[in-house]
Amino acid sequence: MIQKAMKKIVLLVLVVSMTSCNTESKKEAIANTTNQVEKDIEMYISLWDTFIYKRDTSVINSTSFTEDCVVVTAQGDIVGVEAVKAYYTNYLNGFTEIEFEIKESFGQGNKLIKHYNFKGKHTGDFFGIPPSGNYLDLSGTTIVTMRDGKIAKEHDFYNMQTVLDQLMKSKGDIVIDEQKSIN
């Protein structure tokens, strides 16, 4: 009888210790994921600040982007580091007086979300649209997929009609789609 009771106690101790170890490893995994998301957001914001304000296209490279990175567009996916660099360089070629702000950013797991605002004077060719001298004020949202601390995919959501209206039809400084943060 005592032997049976001892077996039950030993079994109970084993189950409790295994369960508490599992809980600790889950907590550690959550902490590691949270730390990685914070690192990813910091790298992401720094990269775009350097790209826009220093006009440094070299930050779009295989250190920050996966070799098979993708930018999803309505005209089809842009694939690969050099193609992504060429795509985003259109913003630097098309605009001066650029202001770029990541209004909000957050993440979970391998996904980041950014709410951004891009402003600039249209003084150069922008995806085939000749310079108009108009100012663009565009807000949008990007879903970013990260892989091993690198940008693997970006998918922007914004109103393309807003871009066309501001660049091709209107003259002067207008704001069509101003968005404000909830907080």
Protein backbone atom coordinates (compact mmCIF):
# COMPACT_ATOMS: atom_id res chain seq x y z
CA MET A 1 0.00 0.00 0.00
CA ILE A 2 2.81 2.43 0.91
CA GLN A 3 4.61 1.43 -2.26
CA LYS A 4 1.50 2.24 -4.33
CA ALA A 5 1.18 5.62 -2.64
CA MET A 6 4.86 6.38 -3.29
CA LYS A 7 4.45 5.51 -6.99
CA LYS A 8 1.48 7.90 -7.21
CA ILE A 9 3.45 10.68 -5.50
CA VAL A 10 6.45 10.18 -7.79
CA LEU A 11 4.16 10.16 -10.83
CA LEU A 12 2.42 13.32 -9.62
CA VAL A 13 5.77 15.09 -9.05
CA LEU A 14 6.89 14.09 -12.55
CA VAL A 15 3.70 15.38 -14.17
CA VAL A 16 3.83 18.66 -12.25
CA SER A 17 7.49 19.24 -13.10
CA MET A 18 6.93 18.42 -16.77
CA THR A 19 3.95 20.77 -16.93
CA SER A 20 5.81 23.63 -15.26
CA CYS A 21 8.79 23.15 -17.60
CA ASN A 22 6.44 23.26 -20.57
CA THR A 23 4.84 26.46 -19.25
CA GLU A 24 8.26 28.05 -18.76
CA SER A 25 9.35 27.11 -22.28
CA LYS A 26 6.12 28.60 -23.68
CA LYS A 27 6.75 31.83 -21.77
CA GLU A 28 10.34 31.87 -23.06
CA ALA A 29 9.15 31.30 -26.64
CA ILE A 30 6.67 34.17 -26.35
CA ALA A 31 9.39 36.44 -24.93
CA ASN A 32 11.77 35.48 -27.76
CA THR A 33 9.07 36.15 -30.37
CA THR A 34 8.28 39.52 -28.82
CA ASN A 35 11.97 40.45 -28.80
CA GLN A 36 12.29 39.43 -32.47
CA VAL A 37 9.25 41.52 -33.45
CA GLU A 38 10.73 44.53 -31.66
CA LYS A 39 14.07 44.02 -33.45
CA ASP A 40 12.28 43.62 -36.79
CA ILE A 41 10.31 46.85 -36.29
CA GLU A 42 13.45 48.76 -35.29
CA MET A 43 15.35 47.50 -38.35
CA TYR A 44 12.38 48.18 -40.63
CA ILE A 45 11.90 51.79 -39.52
CA SER A 46 15.64 52.50 -39.66
CA LEU A 47 15.90 51.02 -43.16
CA TRP A 48 13.13 53.19 -44.63
CA ASP A 49 14.36 56.32 -42.85
CA THR A 50 17.79 55.77 -44.41
CA PHE A 51 16.33 54.98 -47.83
CA ILE A 52 14.08 58.07 -47.91
CA TYR A 53 16.01 60.74 -46.03
CA LYS A 54 19.55 59.82 -47.05
CA ARG A 55 18.31 58.66 -50.45
CA ASP A 56 20.46 55.59 -49.90
CA THR A 57 19.24 52.77 -52.14
CA SER A 58 22.02 50.47 -50.94
CA VAL A 59 19.95 49.60 -47.83
CA ILE A 60 17.78 47.44 -50.08
CA ASN A 61 20.16 44.50 -50.05
CA SER A 62 20.42 40.85 -49.06
CA THR A 63 21.26 41.83 -45.48
CA SER A 64 17.82 43.41 -44.98
CA PHE A 65 15.75 41.57 -47.61
CA THR A 66 15.54 37.88 -48.47
CA GLU A 67 16.94 37.01 -51.91
CA ASP A 68 13.42 35.97 -53.00
CA CYS A 69 11.66 39.00 -51.46
CA VAL A 70 8.34 40.04 -52.99
CA VAL A 71 6.49 43.33 -53.28
CA VAL A 72 2.86 42.67 -54.16
CA THR A 73 1.42 45.18 -56.66
CA ALA A 74 -1.79 45.36 -58.67
CA GLN A 75 0.31 44.95 -61.83
CA GLY A 76 1.99 41.79 -60.54
CA ASP A 77 4.59 40.77 -58.00
CA ILE A 78 8.04 42.37 -57.95
CA VAL A 79 10.49 39.59 -57.03
CA GLY A 80 14.12 39.71 -55.91
CA VAL A 81 16.32 42.28 -54.17
CA GLU A 82 17.39 44.19 -57.30
CA ALA A 83 13.83 44.34 -58.68
CA VAL A 84 12.52 45.58 -55.31
CA LYS A 85 15.28 48.21 -55.18
CA ALA A 86 14.37 49.41 -58.69
CA TYR A 87 10.69 49.53 -57.75
CA TYR A 88 11.20 51.66 -54.63
CA THR A 89 13.76 53.89 -56.35
CA ASN A 90 10.80 55.26 -58.36
CA TYR A 91 9.83 57.19 -55.22
CA LEU A 92 13.25 58.83 -54.98
CA ASN A 93 13.33 59.58 -58.72
CA GLY A 94 9.78 60.87 -58.81
CA PHE A 95 9.76 63.17 -55.78
CA THR A 96 11.69 65.88 -54.00
CA GLU A 97 10.78 67.56 -50.71
CA ILE A 98 9.95 64.09 -49.40
CA GLU A 99 8.45 63.60 -45.98
CA PHE A 100 7.85 60.02 -44.87
CA GLU A 101 6.40 59.04 -41.55
CA ILE A 102 5.59 55.64 -40.16
CA LYS A 103 2.66 56.71 -38.01
CA GLU A 104 2.15 53.34 -36.34
CA SER A 105 3.83 49.97 -36.48
CA PHE A 106 3.25 46.74 -34.65
CA GLY A 107 3.72 43.06 -35.19
CA GLN A 108 2.95 39.53 -34.22
CA GLY A 109 4.92 36.46 -35.14
CA ASN A 110 6.50 37.04 -38.56
CA LYS A 111 4.10 39.85 -39.58
CA LEU A 112 4.56 43.60 -39.20
CA ILE A 113 1.93 46.23 -39.96
CA LYS A 114 2.80 49.82 -40.70
CA HIS A 115 0.52 52.81 -41.21
CA TYR A 116 2.46 55.40 -43.17
CA ASN A 117 2.20 58.81 -44.77
CA PHE A 118 4.28 59.80 -47.80
CA LYS A 119 4.48 63.40 -49.00
CA GLY A 120 6.54 64.90 -51.77
CA LYS A 121 6.68 67.22 -54.75
CA HIS A 122 6.34 65.35 -58.05
CA THR A 123 9.44 66.55 -59.92
CA GLY A 124 10.51 63.43 -61.80
CA ASP A 125 9.20 60.39 -63.62
CA PHE A 126 7.15 58.23 -61.22
CA PHE A 127 6.25 54.82 -62.62
CA GLY A 128 5.83 56.41 -66.05
CA ILE A 129 3.90 59.47 -64.86
CA PRO A 130 5.81 62.56 -66.06
CA PRO A 131 6.56 65.28 -63.48
CA SER A 132 3.60 67.53 -62.72
CA GLY A 133 5.00 69.75 -59.98
CA ASN A 134 2.05 68.73 -57.82
CA TYR A 135 2.36 67.64 -54.22
CA LEU A 136 1.40 64.12 -53.23
CA ASP A 137 0.03 63.40 -49.76
CA LEU A 138 -0.62 59.68 -49.50
CA SER A 139 -1.50 57.51 -46.53
CA GLY A 140 -1.52 53.75 -46.62
CA THR A 141 -0.91 50.52 -44.79
CA THR A 142 1.67 47.82 -45.45
CA ILE A 143 1.62 44.20 -44.33
CA VAL A 144 5.20 42.98 -44.05
CA THR A 145 6.27 39.36 -43.78
CA MET A 146 9.63 38.82 -42.07
CA ARG A 147 11.86 35.77 -42.36
CA ASP A 148 14.95 35.34 -40.18
CA GLY A 149 15.11 39.08 -39.43
CA LYS A 150 14.78 40.05 -43.10
CA ILE A 151 11.95 41.49 -45.17
CA ALA A 152 10.47 38.67 -47.25
CA LYS A 153 7.28 40.31 -48.52
CA GLU A 154 5.55 43.70 -48.58
CA HIS A 155 1.97 44.33 -49.57
CA ASP A 156 0.88 47.99 -49.65
CA PHE A 157 -2.73 49.09 -49.44
CA TYR A 158 -3.56 52.63 -50.57
CA ASN A 159 -5.98 54.42 -52.87
CA MET A 160 -4.36 54.52 -56.33
CA GLN A 161 -7.04 56.93 -57.57
CA THR A 162 -5.83 59.37 -54.91
CA VAL A 163 -2.32 59.18 -56.35
CA LEU A 164 -3.54 59.75 -59.90
CA ASP A 165 -5.85 62.61 -58.89
CA GLN A 166 -3.10 64.40 -57.02
CA LEU A 167 -0.40 63.91 -59.64
CA MET A 168 -2.29 64.23 -62.90
CA LYS A 169 -5.49 66.22 -62.46
CA SER A 170 -5.14 68.66 -59.63
CA LYS A 171 -2.75 71.56 -59.30
CA GLY A 172 -1.18 72.79 -56.09
CA ASP A 173 -1.11 71.46 -52.56
CA ILE A 174 -4.20 69.35 -51.84
CA VAL A 175 -4.98 66.48 -49.48
CA ILE A 176 -7.53 63.93 -50.58
CA ASP A 177 -7.12 61.04 -48.17
CA GLU A 178 -5.73 62.44 -44.93
CA GLN A 179 -5.88 59.80 -42.21
CA LYS A 180 -5.25 60.29 -38.53
CA SER A 181 -4.21 57.75 -35.94
CA ILE A 182 -6.89 56.59 -33.54
CA ASN A 183 -4.66 57.16 -30.51
